[in-house]
């Protein structure tokens, strides 16, 4: 077996191993409850996936010949984010939660580099992909540890959803929640670079993609739900939801040196999708105090696509072609039925019930603290427990009495850059470039 074949196979095996290690099973529940004191029940959920695929690249030295091919690419999959629940924490700073899944995917594949008088052939079929939360039923989210195993038969939690709940926190800064999924995808594929008098051929079929979605299954609610309710004090129930997607695709570009010939082709492009088919709902209600129930929802998408560009030096010839482009998509779609937003969220024994929060659902735990005096309840929109949950983005703030309560910020940011189909030829050089795709941002 030739040396380049052995090296290609070894790299391919390593890449495949990375793929096998990245997928996760159904999400685990993270629960904190009945913590009385200072700083109790703090939770941090930070699944990190790093995938690097270096495959199907060919490098030829002076007067050398090199061939490389790869079928695979790099992928990271996190099927669903855990159900995180914080409840019944009385004190200072109790029940703080941080959920920050991170995915970093880098794919370097199907690139050909030749030295003086050398010939390099490279081909790749794969690309880079990061996917978070594909049509997956989450764990359960409201049972105690000993009851979690029975959630599949007894549970009524929102399946295929991201659910973060903070309720009944009496004190200062209780129930603060942060949900910040981050996806970074880099694809460098289908590049041809010949040196003086060299010839390089490169082809890539793949591109780069980042996808974050919470989908509705079989009529269930689905979507992304952040709920903060019944927080009495200063700064309780603050919620931050900041999904970040960065996608960079460098593909199908050819650079020919002096007297060199380069051929490059790419079929893929760059795409970032943040989608909740059951809607994105942030709900804060019944916060009495100063600065309670503040909400921030700031989805950020950055997409860069550099494909189908040809550059030739003096006397060189460069051919480049690309099909794909750059796309950023932020949407919340719906099904036809309209269901209560909070109908199946957990009830915490002894705490005020907001709207239909946990109606008909077993309590998480019994506090056994006796009768407590709580502020008088009033009828608000939250009592009805309904929102535009069939889809869309819903930020709801109700029943906030005090200073600065219920503040909401919704700031989606989309940055799309497409550099494609450009040809630059030096003195006596020839460059051909073609691109089909362009740049698109949809919200």
Protein backbone atom coordinates (compact mmCIF):
# COMPACT_ATOMS: atom_id res chain seq x y z
CA UNK A 1 0.00 0.00 0.00
CA UNK A 2 1.38 3.38 -0.93
CA UNK A 3 2.29 5.86 1.78
CA UNK A 4 -0.40 8.40 0.86
CA UNK A 5 -3.08 5.68 0.99
CA UNK A 6 -2.07 4.61 4.49
CA UNK A 7 -2.08 8.19 5.72
CA UNK A 8 -5.47 8.91 4.16
CA UNK A 9 -6.99 5.83 5.76
CA UNK A 10 -5.60 6.64 9.21
CA UNK A 11 -6.98 10.14 9.11
CA UNK A 12 -10.34 8.84 7.93
CA UNK A 13 -10.56 6.41 10.86
CA UNK A 14 -9.81 9.18 13.33
CA UNK A 15 -12.48 11.37 11.78
CA UNK A 16 -15.06 8.60 11.93
CA UNK A 17 -14.22 8.04 15.59
CA UNK A 18 -14.88 11.69 16.27
CA UNK A 19 -18.28 11.38 14.67
CA UNK A 20 -19.20 8.42 16.83
CA UNK A 21 -18.23 10.20 20.03
CA UNK A 22 -20.19 13.36 19.41
CA UNK A 23 -23.79 12.21 19.45
CA UNK A 24 -25.67 12.27 22.72
CA UNK A 25 -28.69 10.38 23.91
CA UNK A 26 -31.91 11.83 25.24
CA UNK A 27 -31.37 14.77 27.52
CA UNK A 28 -30.91 14.38 31.23
CA UNK A 29 -33.05 16.28 33.74
CA UNK A 30 -31.39 18.84 35.98
CA UNK A 31 -33.46 19.61 39.07
CA UNK A 32 -32.94 21.80 42.11
CA UNK A 33 -35.60 22.34 44.73
CA UNK A 34 -36.41 23.18 48.33
CA UNK A 35 -33.06 24.83 48.99
CA UNK A 36 -33.32 27.24 51.93
CA UNK A 37 -30.28 29.44 52.51
CA UNK A 38 -27.71 31.40 50.53
CA UNK A 39 -26.51 30.30 47.11
CA UNK A 40 -28.18 26.89 47.23
CA UNK A 41 -29.20 24.87 44.19
CA UNK A 42 -26.91 26.52 41.67
CA UNK A 43 -26.74 24.46 38.46
CA UNK A 44 -24.45 24.50 35.44
CA UNK A 45 -25.10 22.41 32.34
CA UNK A 46 -22.37 22.84 29.74
CA UNK A 47 -22.11 20.02 27.20
CA UNK A 48 -19.17 20.73 24.91
CA UNK A 49 -18.58 19.05 21.55
CA UNK A 50 -15.42 19.62 19.54
CA UNK A 51 -15.08 17.84 16.21
CA UNK A 52 -12.11 18.22 13.85
CA UNK A 53 -11.99 16.38 10.54
CA UNK A 54 -8.85 16.51 8.36
CA UNK A 55 -9.50 14.22 5.45
CA UNK A 56 -9.01 13.82 1.69
CA UNK A 57 -6.31 16.44 1.26
CA UNK A 58 -3.51 15.96 -1.24
CA UNK A 59 -0.08 17.61 -1.24
CA UNK A 60 2.39 16.99 -4.10
CA UNK A 61 6.00 18.11 -3.93
CA UNK A 62 8.15 19.24 -6.85
CA UNK A 63 7.37 17.03 -9.86
CA UNK A 64 5.35 14.79 -7.56
CA UNK A 65 1.86 13.33 -8.01
CA UNK A 66 -0.67 13.08 -5.19
CA UNK A 67 -4.23 11.72 -5.03
CA UNK A 68 -6.61 11.98 -2.06
CA UNK A 69 -10.31 11.30 -1.55
CA UNK A 70 -12.57 11.44 1.50
CA UNK A 71 -16.22 10.59 2.15
CA UNK A 72 -17.40 11.73 5.56
CA UNK A 73 -16.97 15.21 6.92
CA UNK A 74 -17.42 16.44 10.48
CA UNK A 75 -20.63 16.47 12.49
CA UNK A 76 -21.69 17.30 16.03
CA UNK A 77 -25.18 16.37 17.24
CA UNK A 78 -26.75 17.26 20.57
CA UNK A 79 -30.31 15.94 20.43
CA UNK A 80 -32.13 18.16 22.85
CA UNK A 81 -31.10 20.30 25.77
CA UNK A 82 -31.85 19.05 29.26
CA UNK A 83 -34.96 20.12 31.16
CA UNK A 84 -33.69 22.44 33.87
CA UNK A 85 -35.96 23.27 36.81
CA UNK A 86 -35.33 25.54 39.80
CA UNK A 87 -38.06 25.91 42.40
CA UNK A 88 -38.95 26.80 45.96
CA UNK A 89 -35.60 28.39 46.85
CA UNK A 90 -35.90 30.87 49.74
CA UNK A 91 -32.83 33.02 50.41
CA UNK A 92 -30.19 34.92 48.46
CA UNK A 93 -28.96 33.77 45.07
CA UNK A 94 -30.62 30.36 45.24
CA UNK A 95 -31.56 28.31 42.19
CA UNK A 96 -29.31 30.06 39.69
CA UNK A 97 -29.09 28.05 36.46
CA UNK A 98 -26.73 28.18 33.48
CA UNK A 99 -27.20 26.04 30.38
CA UNK A 100 -24.51 26.59 27.75
CA UNK A 101 -24.15 23.83 25.17
CA UNK A 102 -21.18 24.52 22.88
CA UNK A 103 -20.47 22.91 19.52
CA UNK A 104 -17.28 23.55 17.55
CA UNK A 105 -16.91 21.76 14.21
CA UNK A 106 -13.96 22.17 11.82
CA UNK A 107 -13.72 20.33 8.51
CA UNK A 108 -10.58 20.54 6.33
CA UNK A 109 -11.25 18.26 3.41
CA UNK A 110 -10.75 17.82 -0.34
CA UNK A 111 -7.98 20.37 -0.82
CA UNK A 112 -5.16 19.94 -3.36
CA UNK A 113 -1.75 21.63 -3.14
CA UNK A 114 1.01 20.94 -5.67
CA UNK A 115 4.62 22.06 -5.71
CA UNK A 116 6.60 23.16 -8.77
CA UNK A 117 5.78 20.82 -11.63
CA UNK A 118 3.65 18.67 -9.35
CA UNK A 119 0.11 17.38 -9.80
CA UNK A 120 -2.41 17.14 -6.96
CA UNK A 121 -5.92 15.67 -7.07
CA UNK A 122 -8.27 15.99 -4.09
CA UNK A 123 -11.96 15.25 -3.60
CA UNK A 124 -14.26 15.38 -0.58
CA UNK A 125 -17.89 14.47 0.05
CA UNK A 126 -19.11 15.55 3.48
CA UNK A 127 -18.73 19.02 4.89
CA UNK A 128 -19.25 20.25 8.45
CA UNK A 129 -22.49 20.22 10.41
CA UNK A 130 -23.54 21.14 13.93
CA UNK A 131 -27.05 20.17 15.00
CA UNK A 132 -28.65 20.85 18.35
CA UNK A 133 -32.10 19.62 19.37
CA UNK A 134 -33.48 17.65 16.42
CA UNK A 135 -37.01 16.37 17.07
CA UNK A 136 -36.17 14.76 20.37
CA UNK A 137 -38.28 14.13 23.43
CA UNK A 138 -36.54 15.43 26.50
CA UNK A 139 -36.31 13.69 29.81
CA UNK A 140 -39.16 14.90 32.00
CA UNK A 141 -37.99 17.80 34.05
CA UNK A 142 -40.23 17.93 37.08
CA UNK A 143 -39.83 14.69 39.01
CA UNK A 144 -37.57 14.19 41.96
CA UNK A 145 -34.49 12.04 41.46
CA UNK A 146 -36.19 8.84 42.54
CA UNK A 147 -39.17 9.49 40.28
CA UNK A 148 -37.26 10.49 37.14
CA UNK A 149 -37.12 6.90 35.91
CA UNK A 150 -40.91 6.75 35.60
CA UNK A 151 -41.33 10.00 33.65
CA UNK A 152 -41.98 8.25 30.34
CA UNK A 153 -45.22 6.76 31.63
CA UNK A 154 -46.31 9.53 34.00
CA UNK A 155 -44.74 12.65 32.58
CA UNK A 156 -46.54 15.43 30.75
CA UNK A 157 -43.57 17.62 30.01
CA UNK A 158 -43.18 19.39 26.68
CA UNK A 159 -41.59 16.80 24.44
CA UNK A 160 -38.99 17.85 21.89
CA UNK A 161 -38.63 21.14 23.69
CA UNK A 162 -36.08 23.17 25.61
CA UNK A 163 -37.66 23.92 28.98
CA UNK A 164 -36.10 26.08 31.68
CA UNK A 165 -38.34 26.88 34.64
CA UNK A 166 -37.78 29.04 37.71
CA UNK A 167 -40.66 29.53 40.14
CA UNK A 168 -41.51 30.54 43.68
CA UNK A 169 -38.12 32.01 44.61
CA UNK A 170 -38.45 34.46 47.53
CA UNK A 171 -35.36 36.57 48.23
CA UNK A 172 -32.65 38.37 46.28
CA UNK A 173 -31.46 37.25 42.82
CA UNK A 174 -33.14 33.86 43.08
CA UNK A 175 -34.04 31.84 40.00
CA UNK A 176 -31.76 33.62 37.54
CA UNK A 177 -31.52 31.62 34.30
CA UNK A 178 -29.09 31.70 31.37
CA UNK A 179 -29.52 29.62 28.22
CA UNK A 180 -26.78 30.26 25.67
CA UNK A 181 -26.33 27.59 23.00
CA UNK A 182 -23.27 28.34 20.84
CA UNK A 183 -22.47 26.74 17.49
CA UNK A 184 -19.28 27.37 15.53
CA UNK A 185 -18.82 25.62 12.19
CA UNK A 186 -15.83 26.06 9.88
CA UNK A 187 -15.56 24.28 6.54
CA UNK A 188 -12.40 24.57 4.40
CA UNK A 189 -12.95 22.37 1.39
CA UNK A 190 -12.39 22.12 -2.37
CA UNK A 191 -9.40 24.45 -2.62
CA UNK A 192 -6.82 24.01 -5.41
CA UNK A 193 -3.42 25.70 -5.10
CA UNK A 194 -0.66 24.82 -7.59
CA UNK A 195 2.81 26.32 -7.38
CA UNK A 196 5.06 27.24 -10.32
CA UNK A 197 4.08 25.05 -13.27
CA UNK A 198 1.99 22.81 -11.05
CA UNK A 199 -1.52 21.46 -11.56
CA UNK A 200 -4.09 21.14 -8.79
CA UNK A 201 -7.62 19.69 -8.95
CA UNK A 202 -9.98 20.01 -5.99
CA UNK A 203 -13.64 19.16 -5.56
CA UNK A 204 -15.93 19.38 -2.55
CA UNK A 205 -19.56 18.45 -1.93
CA UNK A 206 -20.78 19.51 1.49
CA UNK A 207 -20.53 22.99 2.89
CA UNK A 208 -21.04 24.20 6.46
CA UNK A 209 -24.25 24.16 8.45
CA UNK A 210 -25.35 25.07 11.98
CA UNK A 211 -28.84 24.08 13.06
CA UNK A 212 -30.63 24.63 16.33
CA UNK A 213 -34.23 23.61 16.55
CA UNK A 214 -36.88 22.56 19.03
CA UNK A 215 -39.68 20.87 17.16
CA UNK A 216 -43.19 19.92 18.06
CA UNK A 217 -43.96 16.21 17.93
CA UNK A 218 -47.38 14.58 17.74
CA UNK A 219 -49.29 17.69 18.76
CA UNK A 220 -47.18 18.48 21.80
CA UNK A 221 -46.02 21.95 22.49
CA UNK A 222 -42.34 21.77 21.70
CA UNK A 223 -40.39 24.95 21.14
CA UNK A 224 -38.16 26.83 23.55
CA UNK A 225 -39.80 27.79 26.83
CA UNK A 226 -38.31 29.95 29.57
CA UNK A 227 -40.69 30.51 32.48
CA UNK A 228 -40.09 32.65 35.56
CA UNK A 229 -42.96 33.19 37.99
CA UNK A 230 -43.83 34.09 41.56
CA UNK A 231 -40.49 35.68 42.43
CA UNK A 232 -40.79 38.16 45.33
CA UNK A 233 -37.71 40.28 46.07
CA UNK A 234 -34.98 42.10 44.16
CA UNK A 235 -33.77 40.92 40.77
CA UNK A 236 -35.49 37.55 40.91
CA UNK A 237 -36.42 35.53 37.84
CA UNK A 238 -34.09 37.22 35.37
CA UNK A 239 -33.84 35.24 32.12
CA UNK A 240 -31.31 35.37 29.28
CA UNK A 241 -31.66 33.37 26.08
CA UNK A 242 -28.83 34.05 23.63
CA UNK A 243 -28.32 31.44 20.91
CA UNK A 244 -25.21 32.18 18.83
CA UNK A 245 -24.42 30.57 15.47
CA UNK A 246 -21.22 31.22 13.53
CA UNK A 247 -20.78 29.49 10.18
CA UNK A 248 -17.80 29.99 7.86
CA UNK A 249 -17.50 28.16 4.55
CA UNK A 250 -14.36 28.48 2.39
CA UNK A 251 -14.91 26.20 -0.55
CA UNK A 252 -14.36 25.82 -4.31
CA UNK A 253 -11.63 28.43 -4.66
CA UNK A 254 -8.62 28.04 -6.97
CA UNK A 255 -5.29 29.86 -6.91
CA UNK A 256 -2.82 29.22 -9.73
CA UNK A 257 0.81 30.22 -9.40
CA UNK A 258 3.12 31.30 -12.21
CA UNK A 259 2.34 29.04 -15.16
CA UNK A 260 0.19 26.83 -12.95
CA UNK A 261 -3.26 25.39 -13.58
CA UNK A 262 -5.92 25.13 -10.87
CA UNK A 263 -9.41 23.61 -10.98
CA UNK A 264 -11.77 23.93 -8.01
CA UNK A 265 -15.45 23.11 -7.55
CA UNK A 266 -17.76 23.32 -4.56
CA UNK A 267 -21.38 22.32 -3.94
CA UNK A 268 -22.63 23.35 -0.52
CA UNK A 269 -22.41 26.83 0.90
CA UNK A 270 -22.97 28.04 4.47
CA UNK A 271 -26.21 27.94 6.43
CA UNK A 272 -27.35 28.86 9.93
CA UNK A 273 -30.85 27.86 11.07
CA UNK A 274 -32.44 28.70 14.42
CA UNK A 275 -35.92 27.27 14.39
CA UNK A 276 -38.57 26.50 17.00
CA UNK A 277 -41.52 24.86 15.32
CA UNK A 278 -43.45 25.10 18.53
CA UNK A 279 -42.49 28.74 19.02
CA UNK A 280 -40.13 30.54 21.37
CA UNK A 281 -41.87 31.63 24.56
CA UNK A 282 -40.39 33.64 27.42
CA UNK A 283 -42.83 34.13 30.27
CA UNK A 284 -42.37 36.18 33.43
CA UNK A 285 -45.21 36.94 35.83
CA UNK A 286 -46.12 37.88 39.40
CA UNK A 287 -42.73 39.39 40.23
CA UNK A 288 -43.09 41.86 43.13
CA UNK A 289 -40.04 43.99 43.90
CA UNK A 290 -37.25 45.77 42.04
CA UNK A 291 -35.96 44.55 38.69
CA UNK A 292 -37.73 41.18 38.83
CA UNK A 293 -38.60 39.15 35.74
CA UNK A 294 -36.25 40.89 33.32
CA UNK A 295 -35.93 38.97 30.03
CA UNK A 296 -33.42 39.15 27.18
CA UNK A 297 -33.71 37.16 23.96
CA UNK A 298 -30.87 37.88 21.53
CA UNK A 299 -30.40 35.30 18.78
CA UNK A 300 -27.23 36.02 16.78
CA UNK A 301 -26.36 34.46 13.42
CA UNK A 302 -23.09 35.14 11.59
CA UNK A 303 -22.63 33.45 8.22
CA UNK A 304 -19.61 33.87 5.95
CA UNK A 305 -19.36 32.18 2.56
CA UNK A 306 -16.22 32.48 0.40
CA UNK A 307 -16.68 30.17 -2.57
CA UNK A 308 -16.21 29.91 -6.32
CA UNK A 309 -13.36 32.41 -6.60
CA UNK A 310 -10.44 32.02 -9.04
CA UNK A 311 -7.07 33.79 -8.86
CA UNK A 312 -4.27 33.17 -11.35
CA UNK A 313 -0.77 34.60 -11.41
CA UNK A 314 1.16 35.55 -14.55
CA UNK A 315 0.62 32.88 -17.19
CA UNK A 316 -1.55 30.85 -14.87
CA UNK A 317 -5.00 29.39 -15.46
CA UNK A 318 -7.61 29.15 -12.71
CA UNK A 319 -11.11 27.64 -12.87
CA UNK A 320 -13.53 27.90 -9.94
CA UNK A 321 -17.19 27.01 -9.54
CA UNK A 322 -19.56 27.14 -6.57
CA UNK A 323 -23.17 26.28 -5.91
CA UNK A 324 -24.64 27.18 -2.53
CA UNK A 325 -24.23 30.65 -1.11
CA UNK A 326 -24.81 31.89 2.44
CA UNK A 327 -28.05 31.75 4.38
CA UNK A 328 -29.19 32.79 7.87
CA UNK A 329 -32.66 31.76 8.98
CA UNK A 330 -34.41 32.60 12.24
CA UNK A 331 -37.97 31.43 12.42
CA UNK A 332 -40.64 30.04 14.68
CA UNK A 333 -43.22 28.03 12.82
CA UNK A 334 -46.41 26.50 14.06
CA UNK A 335 -48.99 23.81 13.75
CA UNK A 336 -52.65 24.60 13.28
CA UNK A 337 -53.76 23.81 16.82
CA UNK A 338 -53.48 26.40 19.58
CA UNK A 339 -52.64 25.05 23.01
CA UNK A 340 -51.95 26.66 26.40
CA UNK A 341 -48.31 27.70 26.62
CA UNK A 342 -47.77 26.55 30.19
CA UNK A 343 -50.31 23.75 30.42
CA UNK A 344 -47.81 20.97 31.11
CA UNK A 345 -45.13 22.70 33.14
CA UNK A 346 -44.34 21.59 36.71
CA UNK A 347 -46.28 22.48 39.82
CA UNK A 348 -44.29 23.09 42.99
CA UNK A 349 -46.19 22.25 46.15
CA UNK A 350 -46.97 25.27 48.29
CA UNK A 351 -46.13 27.83 45.61
CA UNK A 352 -48.45 30.16 43.71
CA UNK A 353 -49.72 28.72 40.44
CA UNK A 354 -49.32 31.02 37.45
CA UNK A 355 -51.95 30.56 34.77
CA UNK A 356 -52.25 26.86 34.01
CA UNK A 357 -48.71 26.12 35.16
CA UNK A 358 -48.64 22.43 35.87
CA UNK A 359 -52.37 21.85 35.78
CA UNK A 360 -52.99 18.18 36.44
CA UNK A 361 -49.29 17.40 36.91
CA UNK A 362 -47.81 15.82 40.06
CA UNK A 363 -45.87 18.19 42.29
CA UNK A 364 -42.11 18.16 42.35
CA UNK A 365 -41.88 17.93 46.07
CA UNK A 366 -43.71 18.79 49.25
CA UNK A 367 -42.07 21.64 51.08
CA UNK A 368 -43.68 20.81 54.47
CA UNK A 369 -43.07 24.37 55.59
CA UNK A 370 -46.55 25.10 56.82
CA UNK A 371 -48.73 28.01 55.76
CA UNK A 372 -46.92 31.01 54.32
CA UNK A 373 -48.26 34.52 53.84
CA UNK A 374 -47.89 35.57 50.24
CA UNK A 375 -48.88 38.74 48.39
CA UNK A 376 -52.47 38.86 47.21
CA UNK A 377 -53.06 37.44 43.76
CA UNK A 378 -54.78 39.42 41.03
CA UNK A 379 -56.29 38.31 37.76
CA UNK A 380 -53.92 39.02 34.90
CA UNK A 381 -53.31 37.71 31.43
CA UNK A 382 -51.09 35.08 33.01
CA UNK A 383 -54.09 33.61 34.82
CA UNK A 384 -55.47 32.37 31.52
CA UNK A 385 -52.24 30.59 30.63
CA UNK A 386 -52.56 31.29 26.92
CA UNK A 387 -50.28 32.87 24.38
CA UNK A 388 -49.59 32.68 20.68
CA UNK A 389 -47.98 29.33 21.29
CA UNK A 390 -48.92 27.88 17.94
CA UNK A 391 -45.67 29.43 16.75
CA UNK A 392 -43.82 32.70 16.61
CA UNK A 393 -41.78 34.44 19.27
CA UNK A 394 -43.66 35.34 22.44
CA UNK A 395 -42.30 37.52 25.24
CA UNK A 396 -44.86 37.91 28.01
CA UNK A 397 -44.49 40.00 31.16
CA UNK A 398 -47.46 40.37 33.51
CA UNK A 399 -48.32 41.25 37.10
CA UNK A 400 -45.03 42.97 37.94
CA UNK A 401 -45.37 45.45 40.84
CA UNK A 402 -42.35 47.60 41.69
CA UNK A 403 -39.50 49.32 39.86
CA UNK A 404 -38.20 48.03 36.54
CA UNK A 405 -39.99 44.68 36.75
CA UNK A 406 -40.78 42.64 33.64
CA UNK A 407 -38.39 44.43 31.31
CA UNK A 408 -38.04 42.57 27.99
CA UNK A 409 -35.44 42.77 25.22
CA UNK A 410 -35.77 40.99 21.87
CA UNK A 411 -32.77 41.73 19.62
CA UNK A 412 -32.22 39.28 16.76
CA UNK A 413 -29.01 39.94 14.81
CA UNK A 414 -28.21 38.41 11.41
CA UNK A 415 -24.95 39.03 9.55
CA UNK A 416 -24.54 37.34 6.17
CA UNK A 417 -21.49 37.83 3.92
CA UNK A 418 -21.13 36.10 0.56
CA UNK A 419 -17.94 36.46 -1.50
CA UNK A 420 -18.50 34.25 -4.50
CA UNK A 421 -17.91 33.94 -8.25
CA UNK A 422 -14.99 36.35 -8.54
CA UNK A 423 -12.09 35.91 -11.00
CA UNK A 424 -8.71 37.67 -10.86
CA UNK A 425 -6.04 37.03 -13.51
CA UNK A 426 -2.47 38.28 -13.50
CA UNK A 427 -0.44 39.29 -16.57
CA UNK A 428 -1.14 36.74 -19.28
CA UNK A 429 -3.21 34.70 -16.89
CA UNK A 430 -6.71 33.31 -17.34
CA UNK A 431 -9.29 33.01 -14.57
CA UNK A 432 -12.80 31.53 -14.75
CA UNK A 433 -15.22 31.80 -11.84
CA UNK A 434 -18.86 30.87 -11.46
CA UNK A 435 -21.22 30.98 -8.51
CA UNK A 436 -24.84 30.09 -7.91
CA UNK A 437 -26.42 30.97 -4.58
CA UNK A 438 -25.87 34.40 -3.09
CA UNK A 439 -26.59 35.63 0.43
CA UNK A 440 -29.89 35.44 2.27
CA UNK A 441 -31.18 36.42 5.70
CA UNK A 442 -34.66 35.39 6.82
CA UNK A 443 -36.41 36.13 10.08
